[in-house]
């Protein structure tokens, strides 16, 4: 049975492998790493914006229901985090 490699040692070995790349291979590795890093950042930002948008839509829907229930606008603002203008604009 093969012994499992320690995760810390595996990472250290990977760093050392990169260290020993020739200049052309290292530049290729760095370009790929930068591309992947940028890609993950864009995905993360898109997810964050999507969550914010969904949260705002939910607040608008809650405010609409509260207006239908004749709740006071300051109360709706406080409960939903929406501005007075946003609440008043809801039909």
PDB file of N, CA and C in Angstrom:
ATOM      1  N   UNK A   1       0.841  -1.178   0.000  1.00  0.00           N
ATOM      2  CA  UNK A   1       0.000   0.000   0.000  1.00  0.00           C
ATOM      3  C   UNK A   1       0.888   1.243   0.000  1.00  0.00           C
ATOM      4  N   UNK A   2       0.582   2.214  -0.829  1.00  0.00           N
ATOM      5  CA  UNK A   2       1.346   3.449  -0.907  1.00  0.00           C
ATOM      6  C   UNK A   2       0.930   4.391   0.202  1.00  0.00           C
ATOM      7  N   UNK A   3       1.913   5.037   0.792  1.00  0.00           N
ATOM      8  CA  UNK A   3       1.615   6.042   1.826  1.00  0.00           C
ATOM      9  C   UNK A   3       1.101   7.303   1.147  1.00  0.00           C
ATOM     10  N   UNK A   4       0.097   7.925   1.762  1.00  0.00           N
ATOM     11  CA  UNK A   4      -0.412   9.180   1.210  1.00  0.00           C
ATOM     12  C   UNK A   4       0.572  10.296   1.516  1.00  0.00           C
ATOM     13  N   UNK A   5       0.725  11.178   0.551  1.00  0.00           N
ATOM     14  CA  UNK A   5       1.643  12.304   0.703  1.00  0.00           C
ATOM     15  C   UNK A   5       1.003  13.366   1.588  1.00  0.00           C
ATOM     16  N   UNK A   6       1.781  13.901   2.487  1.00  0.00           N
ATOM     17  CA  UNK A   6       1.351  14.991   3.363  1.00  0.00           C
ATOM     18  C   UNK A   6       0.962  16.181   2.493  1.00  0.00           C
ATOM     19  N   UNK A   7      -0.226  16.805   2.730  1.00  0.00           N
ATOM     20  CA  UNK A   7      -0.656  17.935   1.900  1.00  0.00           C
ATOM     21  C   UNK A   7       0.332  19.102   1.887  1.00  0.00           C
ATOM     22  N   UNK A   8       0.975  19.339   3.006  1.00  0.00           N
ATOM     23  CA  UNK A   8       1.954  20.430   3.077  1.00  0.00           C
ATOM     24  C   UNK A   8       3.160  20.086   2.203  1.00  0.00           C
ATOM     25  N   UNK A   9       3.586  18.849   2.266  1.00  0.00           N
ATOM     26  CA  UNK A   9       4.729  18.423   1.447  1.00  0.00           C
ATOM     27  C   UNK A   9       4.366  18.424  -0.034  1.00  0.00           C
ATOM     28  N   UNK A  10       3.120  18.061  -0.347  1.00  0.00           N
ATOM     29  CA  UNK A  10       2.676  18.066  -1.746  1.00  0.00           C
ATOM     30  C   UNK A  10       2.748  19.483  -2.300  1.00  0.00           C
ATOM     31  N   UNK A  11       2.302  20.451  -1.503  1.00  0.00           N
ATOM     32  CA  UNK A  11       2.351  21.844  -1.949  1.00  0.00           C
ATOM     33  C   UNK A  11       3.804  22.307  -2.097  1.00  0.00           C
ATOM     34  N   UNK A  12       4.635  21.949  -1.146  1.00  0.00           N
ATOM     35  CA  UNK A  12       6.053  22.328  -1.212  1.00  0.00           C
ATOM     36  C   UNK A  12       6.710  21.728  -2.463  1.00  0.00           C
ATOM     37  N   UNK A  13       6.386  20.486  -2.752  1.00  0.00           N
ATOM     38  CA  UNK A  13       6.948  19.836  -3.946  1.00  0.00           C
ATOM     39  C   UNK A  13       6.484  20.541  -5.216  1.00  0.00           C
ATOM     40  N   UNK A  14       5.223  20.961  -5.245  1.00  0.00           N
ATOM     41  CA  UNK A  14       4.710  21.666  -6.425  1.00  0.00           C
ATOM     42  C   UNK A  14       5.442  22.999  -6.600  1.00  0.00           C
ATOM     43  N   UNK A  15       5.669  23.715  -5.499  1.00  0.00           N
ATOM     44  CA  UNK A  15       6.407  24.983  -5.557  1.00  0.00           C
ATOM     45  C   UNK A  15       7.816  24.737  -6.079  1.00  0.00           C
ATOM     46  N   UNK A  16       8.435  23.693  -5.605  1.00  0.00           N
ATOM     47  CA  UNK A  16       9.793  23.381  -6.057  1.00  0.00           C
ATOM     48  C   UNK A  16       9.800  23.009  -7.538  1.00  0.00           C
ATOM     49  N   UNK A  17       8.772  22.280  -7.984  1.00  0.00           N
ATOM     50  CA  UNK A  17       8.681  21.942  -9.407  1.00  0.00           C
ATOM     51  C   UNK A  17       8.632  23.213 -10.251  1.00  0.00           C
ATOM     52  N   UNK A  18       7.871  24.184  -9.791  1.00  0.00           N
ATOM     53  CA  UNK A  18       7.759  25.458 -10.509  1.00  0.00           C
ATOM     54  C   UNK A  18       9.097  26.190 -10.493  1.00  0.00           C
ATOM     55  N   UNK A  19       9.765  26.150  -9.356  1.00  0.00           N
ATOM     56  CA  UNK A  19      11.060  26.812  -9.199  1.00  0.00           C
ATOM     57  C   UNK A  19      12.065  26.302 -10.223  1.00  0.00           C
ATOM     58  N   UNK A  20      11.990  25.010 -10.538  1.00  0.00           N
ATOM     59  CA  UNK A  20      12.966  24.411 -11.450  1.00  0.00           C
ATOM     60  C   UNK A  20      12.567  24.481 -12.925  1.00  0.00           C
ATOM     61  N   UNK A  21      11.457  25.107 -13.245  1.00  0.00           N
ATOM     62  CA  UNK A  21      11.083  25.269 -14.651  1.00  0.00           C
ATOM     63  C   UNK A  21      12.061  26.222 -15.339  1.00  0.00           C
ATOM     64  N   UNK A  22      12.261  25.986 -16.644  1.00  0.00           N
ATOM     65  CA  UNK A  22      13.087  26.963 -17.348  1.00  0.00           C
ATOM     66  C   UNK A  22      12.249  28.227 -17.564  1.00  0.00           C
ATOM     67  N   UNK A  23      12.885  29.297 -18.025  1.00  0.00           N
ATOM     68  CA  UNK A  23      12.213  30.599 -18.112  1.00  0.00           C
ATOM     69  C   UNK A  23      10.958  30.542 -18.979  1.00  0.00           C
ATOM     70  N   UNK A  24      11.039  29.886 -20.102  1.00  0.00           N
ATOM     71  CA  UNK A  24       9.879  29.798 -21.006  1.00  0.00           C
ATOM     72  C   UNK A  24       8.726  29.043 -20.347  1.00  0.00           C
ATOM     73  N   UNK A  25       9.020  27.924 -19.708  1.00  0.00           N
ATOM     74  CA  UNK A  25       7.983  27.143 -19.025  1.00  0.00           C
ATOM     75  C   UNK A  25       7.400  27.917 -17.840  1.00  0.00           C
ATOM     76  N   UNK A  26       8.260  28.637 -17.117  1.00  0.00           N
ATOM     77  CA  UNK A  26       7.785  29.423 -15.970  1.00  0.00           C
ATOM     78  C   UNK A  26       6.847  30.546 -16.433  1.00  0.00           C
ATOM     79  N   UNK A  27       7.192  31.206 -17.561  1.00  0.00           N
ATOM     80  CA  UNK A  27       6.316  32.255 -18.086  1.00  0.00           C
ATOM     81  C   UNK A  27       4.973  31.670 -18.519  1.00  0.00           C
ATOM     82  N   UNK A  28       5.017  30.506 -19.130  1.00  0.00           N
ATOM     83  CA  UNK A  28       3.778  29.839 -19.533  1.00  0.00           C
ATOM     84  C   UNK A  28       2.941  29.487 -18.303  1.00  0.00           C
ATOM     85  N   UNK A  29       3.589  28.965 -17.269  1.00  0.00           N
ATOM     86  CA  UNK A  29       2.894  28.634 -16.023  1.00  0.00           C
ATOM     87  C   UNK A  29       2.290  29.892 -15.397  1.00  0.00           C
ATOM     88  N   UNK A  30       3.073  30.966 -15.324  1.00  0.00           N
ATOM     89  CA  UNK A  30       2.587  32.215 -14.716  1.00  0.00           C
ATOM     90  C   UNK A  30       1.412  32.797 -15.499  1.00  0.00           C
ATOM     91  N   UNK A  31       1.451  32.717 -16.824  1.00  0.00           N
ATOM     92  CA  UNK A  31       0.347  33.207 -17.648  1.00  0.00           C
ATOM     93  C   UNK A  31      -0.910  32.377 -17.395  1.00  0.00           C
ATOM     94  N   UNK A  32      -0.747  31.062 -17.308  1.00  0.00           N
ATOM     95  CA  UNK A  32      -1.901  30.192 -17.037  1.00  0.00           C
ATOM     96  C   UNK A  32      -2.461  30.465 -15.650  1.00  0.00           C
ATOM     97  N   UNK A  33      -1.566  30.653 -14.671  1.00  0.00           N
ATOM     98  CA  UNK A  33      -1.998  30.941 -13.295  1.00  0.00           C
ATOM     99  C   UNK A  33      -2.738  32.273 -13.242  1.00  0.00           C
ATOM    100  N   UNK A  34      -2.216  33.294 -13.929  1.00  0.00           N
ATOM    101  CA  UNK A  34      -2.863  34.608 -13.947  1.00  0.00           C
ATOM    102  C   UNK A  34      -4.225  34.527 -14.626  1.00  0.00           C
ATOM    103  N   UNK A  35      -4.311  33.789 -15.727  1.00  0.00           N
ATOM    104  CA  UNK A  35      -5.589  33.613 -16.423  1.00  0.00           C
ATOM    105  C   UNK A  35      -6.613  32.960 -15.492  1.00  0.00           C
ATOM    106  N   UNK A  36      -6.211  31.887 -14.828  1.00  0.00           N
ATOM    107  CA  UNK A  36      -7.128  31.177 -13.928  1.00  0.00           C
ATOM    108  C   UNK A  36      -7.538  32.054 -12.754  1.00  0.00           C
ATOM    109  N   UNK A  37      -6.607  32.806 -12.218  1.00  0.00           N
ATOM    110  CA  UNK A  37      -6.908  33.719 -11.119  1.00  0.00           C
ATOM    111  C   UNK A  37      -7.922  34.776 -11.550  1.00  0.00           C
ATOM    112  N   UNK A  38      -7.721  35.361 -12.722  1.00  0.00           N
ATOM    113  CA  UNK A  38      -8.658  36.355 -13.259  1.00  0.00           C
ATOM    114  C   UNK A  38     -10.031  35.741 -13.504  1.00  0.00           C
ATOM    115  N   UNK A  39     -10.045  34.531 -14.045  1.00  0.00           N
ATOM    116  CA  UNK A  39     -11.307  33.838 -14.328  1.00  0.00           C
ATOM    117  C   UNK A  39     -12.090  33.597 -13.041  1.00  0.00           C
ATOM    118  N   UNK A  40     -11.411  33.124 -12.013  1.00  0.00           N
ATOM    119  CA  UNK A  40     -12.071  32.879 -10.733  1.00  0.00           C
ATOM    120  C   UNK A  40     -12.560  34.174 -10.090  1.00  0.00           C
ATOM    121  N   UNK A  41     -11.801  35.247 -10.236  1.00  0.00           N
ATOM    122  CA  UNK A  41     -12.225  36.545  -9.707  1.00  0.00           C
ATOM    123  C   UNK A  41     -13.492  37.028 -10.406  1.00  0.00           C
ATOM    124  N   UNK A  42     -13.557  36.854 -11.726  1.00  0.00           N
ATOM    125  CA  UNK A  42     -14.751  37.273 -12.469  1.00  0.00           C
ATOM    126  C   UNK A  42     -15.971  36.448 -12.059  1.00  0.00           C
ATOM    127  N   UNK A  43     -15.773  35.154 -11.879  1.00  0.00           N
ATOM    128  CA  UNK A  43     -16.874  34.292 -11.443  1.00  0.00           C
ATOM    129  C   UNK A  43     -17.358  34.722 -10.070  1.00  0.00           C
ATOM    130  N   UNK A  44     -16.430  34.957  -9.160  1.00  0.00           N
ATOM    131  CA  UNK A  44     -16.779  35.370  -7.805  1.00  0.00           C
ATOM    132  C   UNK A  44     -17.539  36.693  -7.811  1.00  0.00           C
ATOM    133  N   UNK A  45     -17.073  37.645  -8.603  1.00  0.00           N
ATOM    134  CA  UNK A  45     -17.734  38.953  -8.694  1.00  0.00           C
ATOM    135  C   UNK A  45     -19.130  38.810  -9.287  1.00  0.00           C
ATOM    136  N   UNK A  46     -19.275  37.971 -10.297  1.00  0.00           N
ATOM    137  CA  UNK A  46     -20.588  37.742 -10.904  1.00  0.00           C
ATOM    138  C   UNK A  46     -21.555  37.116  -9.902  1.00  0.00           C
ATOM    139  N   UNK A  47     -21.064  36.165  -9.124  1.00  0.00           N
ATOM    140  CA  UNK A  47     -21.906  35.548  -8.097  1.00  0.00           C
ATOM    141  C   UNK A  47     -22.333  36.576  -7.059  1.00  0.00           C
ATOM    142  N   UNK A  48     -21.399  37.425  -6.633  1.00  0.00           N
ATOM    143  CA  UNK A  48     -21.705  38.452  -5.635  1.00  0.00           C
ATOM    144  C   UNK A  48     -22.769  39.408  -6.159  1.00  0.00           C
ATOM    145  N   UNK A  49     -22.598  39.856  -7.412  1.00  0.00           N
ATOM    146  CA  UNK A  49     -23.573  40.773  -7.998  1.00  0.00           C
ATOM    147  C   UNK A  49     -24.937  40.104  -8.147  1.00  0.00           C
ATOM    148  N   UNK A  50     -24.939  38.835  -8.516  1.00  0.00           N
ATOM    149  CA  UNK A  50     -26.191  38.096  -8.648  1.00  0.00           C
ATOM    150  C   UNK A  50     -26.913  37.981  -7.314  1.00  0.00           C
ATOM    151  N   UNK A  51     -26.161  37.712  -6.260  1.00  0.00           N
ATOM    152  CA  UNK A  51     -26.763  37.622  -4.928  1.00  0.00           C
ATOM    153  C   UNK A  51     -27.321  38.964  -4.488  1.00  0.00           C
ATOM    154  N   UNK A  52     -26.572  40.041  -4.749  1.00  0.00           N
ATOM    155  CA  UNK A  52     -27.059  41.381  -4.397  1.00  0.00           C
ATOM    156  C   UNK A  52     -28.341  41.704  -5.155  1.00  0.00           C
ATOM    157  N   UNK A  53     -28.355  41.380  -6.442  1.00  0.00           N
ATOM    158  CA  UNK A  53     -29.530  41.667  -7.265  1.00  0.00           C
ATOM    159  C   UNK A  53     -30.729  40.881  -6.758  1.00  0.00           C
ATOM    160  N   UNK A  54     -30.512  39.606  -6.450  1.00  0.00           N
ATOM    161  CA  UNK A  54     -31.591  38.767  -5.938  1.00  0.00           C
ATOM    162  C   UNK A  54     -32.101  39.267  -4.598  1.00  0.00           C
ATOM    163  N   UNK A  55     -31.183  39.700  -3.749  1.00  0.00           N
ATOM    164  CA  UNK A  55     -31.558  40.239  -2.447  1.00  0.00           C
ATOM    165  C   UNK A  55     -32.384  41.513  -2.607  1.00  0.00           C
ATOM    166  N   UNK A  56     -31.987  42.365  -3.549  1.00  0.00           N
ATOM    167  CA  UNK A  56     -32.723  43.607  -3.788  1.00  0.00           C
ATOM    168  C   UNK A  56     -34.114  43.299  -4.328  1.00  0.00           C
ATOM    169  N   UNK A  57     -34.204  42.346  -5.237  1.00  0.00           N
ATOM    170  CA  UNK A  57     -35.510  41.958  -5.781  1.00  0.00           C
ATOM    171  C   UNK A  57     -36.420  41.431  -4.676  1.00  0.00           C
ATOM    172  N   UNK A  58     -35.859  40.661  -3.761  1.00  0.00           N
ATOM    173  CA  UNK A  58     -36.645  40.126  -2.642  1.00  0.00           C
ATOM    174  C   UNK A  58     -37.120  41.264  -1.751  1.00  0.00           C
ATOM    175  N   UNK A  59     -36.278  42.246  -1.506  1.00  0.00           N
ATOM    176  CA  UNK A  59     -36.673  43.402  -0.689  1.00  0.00           C
ATOM    177  C   UNK A  59     -37.805  44.172  -1.355  1.00  0.00           C
ATOM    178  N   UNK A  60     -37.728  44.330  -2.673  1.00  0.00           N
ATOM    179  CA  UNK A  60     -38.796  45.017  -3.404  1.00  0.00           C
ATOM    180  C   UNK A  60     -40.118  44.255  -3.307  1.00  0.00           C
ATOM    181  N   UNK A  61     -40.053  42.949  -3.429  1.00  0.00           N
ATOM    182  CA  UNK A  61     -41.258  42.129  -3.330  1.00  0.00           C
ATOM    183  C   UNK A  61     -41.856  42.210  -1.921  1.00  0.00           C
ATOM    184  N   UNK A  62     -41.002  42.161  -0.916  1.00  0.00           N
ATOM    185  CA  UNK A  62     -41.473  42.278   0.468  1.00  0.00           C
ATOM    186  C   UNK A  62     -42.125  43.638   0.692  1.00  0.00           C
ATOM    187  N   UNK A  63     -41.490  44.684   0.184  1.00  0.00           N
ATOM    188  CA  UNK A  63     -42.048  46.031   0.323  1.00  0.00           C
ATOM    189  C   UNK A  63     -43.397  46.147  -0.377  1.00  0.00           C
ATOM    190  N   UNK A  64     -43.521  45.529  -1.538  1.00  0.00           N
ATOM    191  CA  UNK A  64     -44.795  45.562  -2.262  1.00  0.00           C
ATOM    192  C   UNK A  64     -45.904  44.919  -1.416  1.00  0.00           C
ATOM    193  N   UNK A  65     -45.596  43.773  -0.831  1.00  0.00           N
ATOM    194  CA  UNK A  65     -46.581  43.091   0.016  1.00  0.00           C
ATOM    195  C   UNK A  65     -46.912  43.917   1.255  1.00  0.00           C
ATOM    196  N   UNK A  66     -45.905  44.566   1.821  1.00  0.00           N
ATOM    197  CA  UNK A  66     -46.132  45.399   3.008  1.00  0.00           C
ATOM    198  C   UNK A  66     -46.995  46.613   2.668  1.00  0.00           C
ATOM    199  N   UNK A  67     -46.778  47.191   1.470  1.00  0.00           N
ATOM    200  CA  UNK A  67     -47.616  48.319   1.044  1.00  0.00           C
ATOM    201  C   UNK A  67     -49.064  47.867   0.861  1.00  0.00           C
ATOM    202  N   UNK A  68     -49.229  46.676   0.288  1.00  0.00           N
ATOM    203  CA  UNK A  68     -50.579  46.139   0.119  1.00  0.00           C
ATOM    204  C   UNK A  68     -51.258  45.924   1.471  1.00  0.00           C
ATOM    205  N   UNK A  69     -50.465  45.629   2.496  1.00  0.00           N
ATOM    206  CA  UNK A  69     -50.987  45.421   3.845  1.00  0.00           C
ATOM    207  C   UNK A  69     -51.103  46.740   4.603  1.00  0.00           C
ATOM    208  N   UNK A  70     -50.894  47.862   3.896  1.00  0.00           N
ATOM    209  CA  UNK A  70     -51.010  49.214   4.471  1.00  0.00           C
ATOM    210  C   UNK A  70     -50.019  49.507   5.591  1.00  0.00           C
ATOM    211  N   UNK A  71     -48.826  48.970   5.478  1.00  0.00           N
ATOM    212  CA  UNK A  71     -47.771  49.299   6.441  1.00  0.00           C
ATOM    213  C   UNK A  71     -47.265  50.710   6.141  1.00  0.00           C
ATOM    214  N   UNK A  72     -46.788  51.381   7.161  1.00  0.00           N
ATOM    215  CA  UNK A  72     -46.241  52.729   7.017  1.00  0.00           C
ATOM    216  C   UNK A  72     -44.912  52.664   6.250  1.00  0.00           C
ATOM    217  N   UNK A  73     -44.676  53.673   5.416  1.00  0.00           N
ATOM    218  CA  UNK A  73     -43.452  53.711   4.603  1.00  0.00           C
ATOM    219  C   UNK A  73     -42.183  53.672   5.463  1.00  0.00           C
ATOM    220  N   UNK A  74     -42.073  54.439   6.563  1.00  0.00           N
ATOM    221  CA  UNK A  74     -40.857  54.343   7.382  1.00  0.00           C
ATOM    222  C   UNK A  74     -40.616  52.918   7.921  1.00  0.00           C
ATOM    223  N   UNK A  75     -41.705  52.231   8.255  1.00  0.00           N
ATOM    224  CA  UNK A  75     -41.583  50.849   8.734  1.00  0.00           C
ATOM    225  C   UNK A  75     -41.085  49.940   7.608  1.00  0.00           C
ATOM    226  N   UNK A  76     -41.626  50.132   6.414  1.00  0.00           N
ATOM    227  CA  UNK A  76     -41.202  49.324   5.261  1.00  0.00           C
ATOM    228  C   UNK A  76     -39.722  49.573   4.973  1.00  0.00           C
ATOM    229  N   UNK A  77     -39.314  50.841   5.022  1.00  0.00           N
ATOM    230  CA  UNK A  77     -37.904  51.177   4.809  1.00  0.00           C
ATOM    231  C   UNK A  77     -37.014  50.434   5.796  1.00  0.00           C
ATOM    232  N   UNK A  78     -37.427  50.482   7.053  1.00  0.00           N
ATOM    233  CA  UNK A  78     -36.626  49.863   8.117  1.00  0.00           C
ATOM    234  C   UNK A  78     -36.542  48.346   7.948  1.00  0.00           C
ATOM    235  N   UNK A  79     -37.642  47.726   7.584  1.00  0.00           N
ATOM    236  CA  UNK A  79     -37.688  46.270   7.471  1.00  0.00           C
ATOM    237  C   UNK A  79     -37.004  45.738   6.211  1.00  0.00           C
ATOM    238  N   UNK A  80     -36.995  46.529   5.145  1.00  0.00           N
ATOM    239  CA  UNK A  80     -36.439  46.039   3.872  1.00  0.00           C
ATOM    240  C   UNK A  80     -35.072  46.611   3.520  1.00  0.00           C
ATOM    241  N   UNK A  81     -34.711  47.743   4.145  1.00  0.00           N
ATOM    242  CA  UNK A  81     -33.456  48.386   3.791  1.00  0.00           C
ATOM    243  C   UNK A  81     -33.553  49.219   2.528  1.00  0.00           C
ATOM    244  N   UNK A  82     -34.762  49.356   1.985  1.00  0.00           N
ATOM    245  CA  UNK A  82     -34.952  50.170   0.785  1.00  0.00           C
ATOM    246  C   UNK A  82     -35.053  51.640   1.166  1.00  0.00           C
ATOM    247  N   UNK A  83     -34.800  52.510   0.199  1.00  0.00           N
ATOM    248  CA  UNK A  83     -34.924  53.942   0.434  1.00  0.00           C
ATOM    249  C   UNK A  83     -36.410  54.325   0.344  1.00  0.00           C
ATOM    250  N   UNK A  84     -36.715  55.516   0.869  1.00  0.00           N
ATOM    251  CA  UNK A  84     -38.077  56.036   0.806  1.00  0.00           C
ATOM    252  C   UNK A  84     -38.530  56.121  -0.643  1.00  0.00           C
ATOM    253  N   UNK A  85     -37.639  56.591  -1.521  1.00  0.00           N
ATOM    254  CA  UNK A  85     -37.968  56.730  -2.940  1.00  0.00           C
ATOM    255  C   UNK A  85     -38.288  55.379  -3.570  1.00  0.00           C
ATOM    256  N   UNK A  86     -37.497  54.360  -3.229  1.00  0.00           N
ATOM    257  CA  UNK A  86     -37.754  53.032  -3.779  1.00  0.00           C
ATOM    258  C   UNK A  86     -39.112  52.501  -3.320  1.00  0.00           C
ATOM    259  N   UNK A  87     -39.418  52.696  -2.037  1.00  0.00           N
ATOM    260  CA  UNK A  87     -40.683  52.213  -1.502  1.00  0.00           C
ATOM    261  C   UNK A  87     -41.840  52.950  -2.144  1.00  0.00           C
ATOM    262  N   UNK A  88     -41.731  54.266  -2.251  1.00  0.00           N
ATOM    263  CA  UNK A  88     -42.814  55.056  -2.839  1.00  0.00           C
ATOM    264  C   UNK A  88     -43.038  54.737  -4.310  1.00  0.00           C
ATOM    265  N   UNK A  89     -41.999  54.300  -5.016  1.00  0.00           N
ATOM    266  CA  UNK A  89     -42.118  53.990  -6.440  1.00  0.00           C
ATOM    267  C   UNK A  89     -42.814  52.651  -6.698  1.00  0.00           C
ATOM    268  N   UNK A  90     -42.981  51.857  -5.673  1.00  0.00           N
ATOM    269  CA  UNK A  90     -43.623  50.546  -5.847  1.00  0.00           C
ATOM    270  C   UNK A  90     -45.129  50.738  -5.985  1.00  0.00           C
ATOM    271  N   UNK A  91     -45.691  50.103  -7.010  1.00  0.00           N
ATOM    272  CA  UNK A  91     -47.147  50.201  -7.238  1.00  0.00           C
ATOM    273  C   UNK A  91     -47.869  49.088  -6.519  1.00  0.00           C
TER     274      UNK A  91
END
